[in-house]
Amino acid sequence: MRLSEVRELIRIKPVELDATRRRLSACHDIGDLRAAGRRLIPRPVFDYVDGGADEELSLRANVKAFRQFRFRPRALVDVSEPDMSALLWGVPVAQPLVLAPTGYTRMMHPGGEIAAASAAQRHGLSYTLSTMATTTIEAVAGAALTGQNTQPDLWFQLYILRDKGLTKELVQRAAVAGYRVLVVTVDTFVTGHRTRDRHHGLVIPPELTARTLASIGGKPGYWIRMLRSPVIDFANFAGNDAVSIEGTGQLFNPAITWDDIAELRASWPGRLVIKGPLGPVDAAHAMSVGADGVQLSNHGGRQLDRAMPPVATIADVRAAVGPDPVVLVDSGVRHGSDIAVAIALGADACAIGRAYLYGLMAGGEAGVDKALDILAEQFKRTMQLLGVGSTAELREIGPSLLADAP
């Protein structure tokens, strides 16, 4: 064989000079993004994203629960152009996926909430802004509108606070800014015992403790980015004193009841989702007070440890609420096949938090894009290998495609 023929067989890939693109090009699943983010981010920050409550039993069980299902694929079905799109209250999304609310997001990367919202819009997905965001309600809405040809589909997640006036103000601000869905979290009236955060003494805004100073030496790139960016604060509570992550629970109202949900329903003009039910009784109760949907969640294993995995509740909840209300599920979604499992069980969409935060840590806005691209490719391939032509068909015939693991 001549040298010229060898050259045709072996192509040397050009060296990528941009460090972020080079890093992301080596990431082929969410686990790769997690590993890349872990190498770049100080341990206290990474553990805030990665950790859970108490013994982290729920954290591990959430991921394991999705993997307890096995597929029964159909053969000889035309899957050349699968339709991955879905409808949430009649609004089309590119795939049955929502970006869940995450707190302190600019602590992972200066792009923070705006980077995540922008990536979501490019992918035709909805983005949920947290009450505990590090970017204001108005700033995220304004950034999402800038330079875009379509109206961004923004949702706002609400913690009901002890200060009723402030709660009302947040809801009104979200409505004025054009947020379409209000997601009320009901599993965080007190904060879970997050052991990793307790060990690190993590506070917002970050303080230069002896431990923080030590971590600067290990992750200088992270701290340079932080120092060049505006101070991290609870953007929607400007002026509050620094508190630990666990200490934020002092802001939340532990006395909330279904009457508070009914009151919110009367004042909120858009769709209302209750985030936190883990069974058919509470899901049905949410419908009875006027909710338009539920987000089955154990807060990613960050609140009540030993809580059951949300994916295990989908079928019972769907049976209880009927076919029309939107049923979302989060906690443990790490692969496009997880999305397929959830839809097959009766959910309308999955919500992801850690999955896109790993991308944000690994590469900022481009990293969020990468996470969403990975999940989309995995979901599409799973549909094709299952012999399913659309998300709607997957929802319709889903139970026939699933079996429990042996």
Protein backbone atom coordinates (compact mmCIF):
# COMPACT_ATOMS: atom_id res chain seq x y z
CA MET A 1 0.00 0.00 0.00
CA ARG A 2 1.35 3.38 -0.99
CA LEU A 3 1.73 6.26 1.48
CA SER A 4 -0.92 8.28 -0.35
CA GLU A 5 -3.39 5.42 0.12
CA VAL A 6 -2.57 5.22 3.82
CA ARG A 7 -3.27 8.94 4.15
CA GLU A 8 -6.69 8.42 2.60
CA LEU A 9 -7.48 5.74 5.17
CA ILE A 10 -6.18 7.63 8.18
CA ARG A 11 -7.32 11.22 8.57
CA ILE A 12 -5.69 13.20 11.34
CA LYS A 13 -8.27 15.32 13.13
CA PRO A 14 -7.27 19.01 13.33
CA VAL A 15 -6.38 20.24 16.80
CA GLU A 16 -9.16 22.36 18.34
CA LEU A 17 -7.52 25.48 19.79
CA ASP A 18 -10.55 26.72 21.74
CA ALA A 19 -10.41 25.07 25.17
CA THR A 20 -14.18 25.06 25.73
CA ARG A 21 -14.99 23.58 22.33
CA ARG A 22 -12.23 21.02 22.79
CA ARG A 23 -13.58 20.04 26.19
CA LEU A 24 -17.17 19.77 25.02
CA SER A 25 -16.25 17.81 21.90
CA ALA A 26 -14.95 15.06 24.19
CA CYS A 27 -18.29 14.84 26.02
CA HIS A 28 -20.66 12.21 24.63
CA ASP A 29 -23.16 11.83 27.45
CA ILE A 30 -24.29 13.67 30.58
CA GLY A 31 -21.78 11.71 32.65
CA ASP A 32 -18.97 13.16 30.54
CA LEU A 33 -20.29 16.69 31.15
CA ARG A 34 -20.46 15.95 34.87
CA ALA A 35 -16.83 14.80 34.89
CA ALA A 36 -15.72 17.86 32.90
CA GLY A 37 -17.56 20.21 35.24
CA ARG A 38 -16.10 18.53 38.29
CA ARG A 39 -12.57 19.17 37.01
CA LEU A 40 -13.29 22.91 36.58
CA ILE A 41 -15.41 23.84 39.59
CA PRO A 42 -14.42 24.16 43.27
CA ARG A 43 -15.57 21.24 45.36
CA PRO A 44 -18.17 23.17 47.45
CA VAL A 45 -19.89 24.45 44.30
CA PHE A 46 -19.82 21.10 42.52
CA ASP A 47 -21.17 19.32 45.61
CA TYR A 48 -24.01 21.83 45.85
CA VAL A 49 -25.15 20.72 42.40
CA ASP A 50 -24.28 17.06 42.73
CA GLY A 51 -25.34 16.35 46.31
CA GLY A 52 -28.58 15.40 48.04
CA ALA A 53 -30.13 15.20 51.47
CA ASP A 54 -28.92 13.15 54.43
CA GLU A 55 -27.61 9.75 53.25
CA GLU A 56 -28.44 10.57 49.60
CA LEU A 57 -30.56 7.43 49.26
CA SER A 58 -33.21 9.24 47.20
CA LEU A 59 -30.52 10.83 45.04
CA ARG A 60 -29.21 7.43 43.98
CA ALA A 61 -32.63 5.77 43.83
CA ASN A 62 -33.96 8.40 41.40
CA VAL A 63 -31.41 7.48 38.75
CA LYS A 64 -31.70 3.76 39.43
CA ALA A 65 -35.50 3.80 39.11
CA PHE A 66 -35.39 4.86 35.46
CA ARG A 67 -33.03 2.00 34.73
CA GLN A 68 -35.32 -0.65 36.19
CA PHE A 69 -37.40 -0.60 33.01
CA ARG A 70 -36.64 -2.57 29.85
CA PHE A 71 -37.92 -1.92 26.33
CA ARG A 72 -39.90 -4.19 23.99
CA PRO A 73 -39.11 -2.64 20.58
CA ARG A 74 -41.35 -3.00 17.53
CA ALA A 75 -39.82 -4.17 14.25
CA LEU A 76 -40.22 -2.92 10.68
CA VAL A 77 -41.71 0.49 11.45
CA ASP A 78 -40.76 3.52 9.35
CA VAL A 79 -38.73 5.67 11.75
CA SER A 80 -36.74 7.62 9.19
CA GLU A 81 -38.16 10.94 10.42
CA PRO A 82 -39.43 10.56 14.00
CA ASP A 83 -41.47 13.46 15.34
CA MET A 84 -39.91 14.33 18.69
CA SER A 85 -42.14 17.30 19.36
CA ALA A 86 -44.76 17.50 22.09
CA LEU A 87 -47.57 19.80 23.19
CA LEU A 88 -47.82 21.35 26.63
CA TRP A 89 -51.26 22.96 26.95
CA GLY A 90 -51.35 23.27 23.19
CA VAL A 91 -47.96 25.00 22.96
CA PRO A 92 -45.45 23.04 20.85
CA VAL A 93 -42.03 22.16 22.25
CA ALA A 94 -39.24 20.55 20.25
CA GLN A 95 -39.12 17.53 22.54
CA PRO A 96 -40.89 16.57 25.78
CA LEU A 97 -38.37 18.35 27.96
CA VAL A 98 -38.39 21.39 30.24
CA LEU A 99 -35.48 23.08 31.98
CA ALA A 100 -36.27 22.96 35.69
CA PRO A 101 -35.60 25.78 38.14
CA THR A 102 -32.20 25.85 39.82
CA GLY A 103 -30.99 28.20 42.53
CA TYR A 104 -27.72 30.17 42.61
CA THR A 105 -27.08 29.33 38.96
CA ARG A 106 -24.45 32.02 38.37
CA MET A 107 -22.38 30.32 41.05
CA MET A 108 -21.76 27.49 38.55
CA HIS A 109 -20.87 29.85 35.69
CA PRO A 110 -21.26 33.61 35.15
CA GLY A 111 -23.71 32.95 32.30
CA GLY A 112 -26.11 31.51 34.83
CA GLU A 113 -29.84 31.72 34.24
CA ILE A 114 -29.55 33.78 31.05
CA ALA A 115 -27.26 31.19 29.46
CA ALA A 116 -29.68 28.39 30.33
CA ALA A 117 -32.75 30.31 29.14
CA SER A 118 -31.05 31.26 25.87
CA ALA A 119 -30.01 27.67 25.19
CA ALA A 120 -33.53 26.47 25.97
CA GLN A 121 -35.05 28.90 23.49
CA ARG A 122 -32.63 27.88 20.74
CA HIS A 123 -33.73 24.29 21.27
CA GLY A 124 -37.43 25.15 21.31
CA LEU A 125 -37.84 24.32 24.99
CA SER A 126 -39.35 26.00 28.05
CA TYR A 127 -37.14 27.42 30.80
CA THR A 128 -38.17 27.77 34.45
CA LEU A 129 -36.62 30.57 36.52
CA SER A 130 -36.19 29.90 40.24
CA THR A 131 -37.33 32.18 43.03
CA MET A 132 -33.76 31.76 44.34
CA ALA A 133 -32.22 32.87 41.04
CA THR A 134 -29.09 34.98 40.77
CA THR A 135 -30.61 36.96 37.88
CA THR A 136 -33.81 38.98 38.17
CA ILE A 137 -37.16 38.03 36.69
CA GLU A 138 -37.01 41.02 34.38
CA ALA A 139 -33.39 40.52 33.27
CA VAL A 140 -34.00 36.94 32.17
CA ALA A 141 -37.14 37.93 30.28
CA GLY A 142 -35.35 40.84 28.61
CA ALA A 143 -32.35 38.75 27.61
CA ALA A 144 -34.55 36.00 26.20
CA LEU A 145 -36.33 38.52 23.99
CA THR A 146 -33.16 40.20 22.72
CA GLY A 147 -32.25 39.13 19.22
CA GLN A 148 -34.85 36.35 19.11
CA ASN A 149 -37.49 35.85 16.44
CA THR A 150 -39.94 34.00 18.68
CA GLN A 151 -41.58 34.70 22.02
CA PRO A 152 -39.59 32.86 24.72
CA ASP A 153 -41.55 30.31 26.72
CA LEU A 154 -40.60 31.28 30.26
CA TRP A 155 -41.96 29.74 33.44
CA PHE A 156 -41.50 31.06 36.98
CA GLN A 157 -41.00 28.80 39.98
CA LEU A 158 -42.39 30.16 43.25
CA TYR A 159 -41.57 29.37 46.84
CA ILE A 160 -44.38 30.68 49.04
CA LEU A 161 -42.59 32.96 51.48
CA ARG A 162 -43.31 34.04 55.03
CA ASP A 163 -43.55 37.57 53.65
CA LYS A 164 -46.90 37.44 51.86
CA GLY A 165 -46.37 40.85 50.36
CA LEU A 166 -43.10 39.75 48.78
CA THR A 167 -44.73 36.55 47.48
CA LYS A 168 -47.46 38.59 45.83
CA GLU A 169 -44.88 40.98 44.38
CA LEU A 170 -42.88 38.14 42.80
CA VAL A 171 -46.00 36.70 41.18
CA GLN A 172 -47.02 40.07 39.81
CA ARG A 173 -43.53 40.75 38.44
CA ALA A 174 -43.52 37.39 36.66
CA ALA A 175 -46.92 38.09 35.10
CA VAL A 176 -45.89 41.56 33.90
CA ALA A 177 -42.62 40.21 32.47
CA GLY A 178 -44.49 37.66 30.34
CA TYR A 179 -43.88 34.38 32.17
CA ARG A 180 -46.52 31.93 30.99
CA VAL A 181 -46.54 29.27 33.70
CA LEU A 182 -46.29 29.56 37.49
CA VAL A 183 -44.67 26.49 39.09
CA VAL A 184 -45.36 26.42 42.83
CA THR A 185 -42.97 24.23 44.81
CA VAL A 186 -44.64 22.58 47.80
CA ASP A 187 -41.91 20.27 49.13
CA THR A 188 -39.56 22.93 50.51
CA PHE A 189 -41.43 24.61 53.34
CA VAL A 190 -38.31 23.69 55.30
CA THR A 191 -34.98 22.87 53.67
CA GLY A 192 -33.61 19.36 53.58
CA HIS A 193 -30.47 18.44 55.51
CA ARG A 194 -27.85 18.59 52.76
CA THR A 195 -24.81 17.16 54.42
CA ARG A 196 -22.30 18.19 51.77
CA ASP A 197 -23.39 21.84 51.97
CA ARG A 198 -23.21 21.73 55.76
CA HIS A 199 -19.64 20.46 55.61
CA HIS A 200 -18.63 23.19 53.15
CA GLY A 201 -20.49 26.02 54.93
CA LEU A 202 -21.64 27.30 51.55
CA VAL A 203 -23.13 30.80 51.64
CA ILE A 204 -24.59 33.27 49.15
CA PRO A 205 -22.92 35.57 48.25
CA PRO A 206 -19.68 33.55 48.46
CA GLU A 207 -17.33 34.64 51.22
CA LEU A 208 -13.54 34.43 51.20
CA THR A 209 -13.10 32.03 54.09
CA ALA A 210 -9.85 30.14 54.64
CA ARG A 211 -11.39 27.16 52.83
CA THR A 212 -12.45 29.37 49.91
CA LEU A 213 -8.99 30.84 49.64
CA ALA A 214 -7.53 27.34 49.54
CA SER A 215 -9.85 26.38 46.71
CA ILE A 216 -8.77 29.42 44.67
CA GLY A 217 -5.37 27.88 44.22
CA GLY A 218 -6.89 24.69 42.85
CA LYS A 219 -9.42 26.28 40.47
CA PRO A 220 -8.01 29.69 39.46
CA GLY A 221 -9.96 29.83 36.20
CA TYR A 222 -13.25 29.60 38.07
CA TRP A 223 -12.38 32.41 40.44
CA ILE A 224 -11.09 34.66 37.66
CA ARG A 225 -14.46 34.29 35.89
CA MET A 226 -16.30 35.04 39.13
CA LEU A 227 -14.21 38.12 39.94
CA ARG A 228 -14.84 39.52 36.47
CA SER A 229 -18.62 39.13 36.85
CA PRO A 230 -21.23 40.97 38.93
CA VAL A 231 -21.52 39.85 42.55
CA ILE A 232 -23.66 36.76 43.09
CA ASP A 233 -26.73 37.52 45.18
CA PHE A 234 -30.35 36.51 45.56
CA ALA A 235 -31.35 38.73 42.66
CA ASN A 236 -35.04 38.80 43.51
CA PHE A 237 -34.31 39.66 47.16
CA ALA A 238 -31.67 42.33 46.64
CA GLY A 239 -30.09 43.55 49.87
CA ASN A 240 -30.53 40.40 51.97
CA ASP A 241 -27.67 39.37 54.21
CA ALA A 242 -25.61 36.34 53.24
CA VAL A 243 -27.05 33.09 54.56
CA SER A 244 -26.06 29.47 54.23
CA ILE A 245 -27.78 27.33 51.61
CA GLU A 246 -29.66 25.55 54.37
CA GLY A 247 -30.44 28.87 56.02
CA THR A 248 -32.55 30.00 53.07
CA GLY A 249 -35.34 27.97 54.67
CA GLN A 250 -35.95 30.87 57.01
CA LEU A 251 -37.53 32.69 54.06
CA PHE A 252 -40.09 29.96 53.34
CA ASN A 253 -43.52 29.63 54.91
CA PRO A 254 -43.94 26.28 56.70
CA ALA A 255 -47.65 26.92 57.25
CA ILE A 256 -48.78 26.80 53.60
CA THR A 257 -51.89 24.76 52.80
CA TRP A 258 -54.07 24.04 49.79
CA ASP A 259 -55.90 27.29 50.57
CA ASP A 260 -52.73 29.18 49.57
CA ILE A 261 -52.74 27.34 46.24
CA ALA A 262 -56.38 28.26 45.64
CA GLU A 263 -55.53 31.89 46.40
CA LEU A 264 -52.68 31.84 43.90
CA ARG A 265 -54.95 30.26 41.30
CA ALA A 266 -57.35 33.18 41.68
CA SER A 267 -54.61 35.77 41.14
CA TRP A 268 -52.38 34.15 38.49
CA PRO A 269 -53.53 34.69 34.88
CA GLY A 270 -51.51 31.87 33.28
CA ARG A 271 -51.08 28.13 33.76
CA LEU A 272 -50.45 26.82 37.27
CA VAL A 273 -48.30 23.77 38.06
CA ILE A 274 -47.81 22.23 41.49
CA LYS A 275 -44.28 20.89 41.90
CA GLY A 276 -43.69 18.26 44.55
CA PRO A 277 -46.59 15.78 44.65
CA LEU A 278 -45.47 12.15 44.79
CA GLY A 279 -48.74 10.31 44.46
CA PRO A 280 -52.25 10.30 43.05
CA VAL A 281 -53.98 11.79 46.10
CA ASP A 282 -52.02 15.05 46.14
CA ALA A 283 -52.03 15.22 42.34
CA ALA A 284 -55.81 14.95 42.28
CA HIS A 285 -56.07 17.53 45.07
CA ALA A 286 -53.98 19.92 42.97
CA MET A 287 -56.47 19.56 40.11
CA SER A 288 -59.37 20.19 42.48
CA VAL A 289 -58.02 23.61 43.49
CA GLY A 290 -57.51 24.68 39.90
CA ALA A 291 -54.00 23.59 38.94
CA ASP A 292 -53.36 22.90 35.27
CA GLY A 293 -50.68 20.31 35.91
CA VAL A 294 -48.31 18.69 38.37
CA GLN A 295 -44.57 18.17 38.42
CA LEU A 296 -43.84 14.87 40.14
CA SER A 297 -40.69 15.54 42.12
CA ASN A 298 -38.70 14.72 45.21
CA HIS A 299 -36.52 17.77 44.54
CA GLY A 300 -33.79 15.65 43.03
CA GLY A 301 -33.27 13.86 46.32
CA ARG A 302 -32.45 17.16 48.03
CA GLN A 303 -35.34 17.37 50.50
CA LEU A 304 -36.84 14.28 52.18
CA ASP A 305 -34.35 11.45 51.89
CA ARG A 306 -35.90 8.01 51.29
CA ALA A 307 -38.74 9.60 49.32
CA MET A 308 -39.91 7.37 46.50
CA PRO A 309 -38.62 8.06 42.97
CA PRO A 310 -41.06 10.25 41.03
CA VAL A 311 -40.88 8.05 37.92
CA ALA A 312 -42.47 5.26 39.97
CA THR A 313 -45.58 7.40 40.54
CA ILE A 314 -46.35 8.41 36.94
CA ALA A 315 -48.82 5.65 36.03
CA ASP A 316 -50.88 6.02 39.23
CA VAL A 317 -50.96 9.82 38.92
CA ARG A 318 -52.06 9.67 35.30
CA ALA A 319 -54.86 7.30 36.24
CA ALA A 320 -55.97 9.69 39.00
CA VAL A 321 -55.93 12.97 37.06
CA GLY A 322 -57.06 11.71 33.67
CA PRO A 323 -55.61 12.38 30.21
CA ASP A 324 -55.83 16.17 30.05
CA PRO A 325 -53.73 17.74 32.86
CA VAL A 326 -50.04 18.10 32.11
CA VAL A 327 -47.91 15.68 34.12
CA LEU A 328 -44.21 16.48 34.34
CA VAL A 329 -41.58 14.38 36.10
CA ASP A 330 -38.12 15.28 37.33
CA SER A 331 -35.40 13.80 39.55
CA GLY A 332 -33.00 11.30 37.98
CA VAL A 333 -33.27 12.18 34.27
CA ARG A 334 -29.79 11.66 32.81
CA HIS A 335 -30.41 10.10 29.39
CA GLY A 336 -32.76 10.42 26.44
CA SER A 337 -33.99 6.90 27.19
CA ASP A 338 -35.19 8.20 30.57
CA ILE A 339 -37.41 10.66 28.71
CA ALA A 340 -38.80 7.80 26.62
CA VAL A 341 -39.57 5.78 29.76
CA ALA A 342 -41.41 8.70 31.35
CA ILE A 343 -43.53 9.36 28.25
CA ALA A 344 -44.32 5.66 27.88
CA LEU A 345 -45.56 5.61 31.48
CA GLY A 346 -47.92 8.52 30.85
CA ALA A 347 -45.97 11.72 31.50
CA ASP A 348 -46.14 14.66 29.10
CA ALA A 349 -42.53 15.75 29.59
CA CYS A 350 -39.48 15.49 31.81
CA ALA A 351 -37.79 18.36 33.64
CA ILE A 352 -34.03 18.44 34.04
CA GLY A 353 -31.83 20.33 36.50
CA ARG A 354 -28.48 18.67 37.15
CA ALA A 355 -28.20 17.45 33.55
CA TYR A 356 -27.96 20.98 32.15
CA LEU A 357 -26.05 22.36 35.14
CA TYR A 358 -23.25 19.87 34.44
CA GLY A 359 -23.12 21.35 30.94
CA LEU A 360 -23.15 24.90 32.31
CA MET A 361 -20.21 24.10 34.59
CA ALA A 362 -18.31 22.40 31.77
CA GLY A 363 -18.76 25.10 29.14
CA GLY A 364 -21.18 27.89 30.01
CA GLU A 365 -23.98 28.48 27.50
CA ALA A 366 -22.27 26.21 24.96
CA GLY A 367 -22.25 23.49 27.60
CA VAL A 368 -26.01 23.81 28.14
CA ASP A 369 -26.42 23.53 24.37
CA LYS A 370 -24.30 20.40 24.45
CA ALA A 371 -26.39 18.83 27.22
CA LEU A 372 -29.61 19.52 25.32
CA ASP A 373 -28.12 18.21 22.06
CA ILE A 374 -27.02 15.00 23.80
CA LEU A 375 -30.45 14.37 25.30
CA ALA A 376 -32.19 15.13 22.00
CA GLU A 377 -29.94 12.73 20.07
CA GLN A 378 -30.43 10.00 22.68
CA PHE A 379 -34.21 10.46 22.73
CA LYS A 380 -34.43 10.39 18.94
CA ARG A 381 -32.32 7.25 18.69
CA THR A 382 -34.34 5.54 21.43
CA MET A 383 -37.59 6.30 19.58
CA GLN A 384 -36.17 4.93 16.34
CA LEU A 385 -34.85 1.76 17.94
CA LEU A 386 -38.19 1.29 19.71
CA GLY A 387 -40.02 1.49 16.41
CA VAL A 388 -42.00 4.59 17.40
CA GLY A 389 -42.69 7.38 14.94
CA SER A 390 -43.68 10.21 17.29
CA THR A 391 -43.84 11.32 20.90
CA ALA A 392 -47.63 11.16 20.70
CA GLU A 393 -47.45 7.52 19.59
CA LEU A 394 -44.98 6.73 22.36
CA ARG A 395 -47.44 8.14 24.90
CA GLU A 396 -50.34 6.21 23.33
CA ILE A 397 -48.77 2.75 23.17
CA GLY A 398 -46.13 3.22 25.85
CA PRO A 399 -47.13 0.49 28.32
CA SER A 400 -46.80 -2.17 25.61
CA LEU A 401 -43.19 -1.13 25.06
CA LEU A 402 -42.06 -1.43 28.68
CA ALA A 403 -41.19 -4.32 30.95
CA ASP A 404 -39.63 -4.49 34.40
CA ALA A 405 -36.00 -5.49 34.54
CA PRO A 406 -35.48 -9.18 35.33
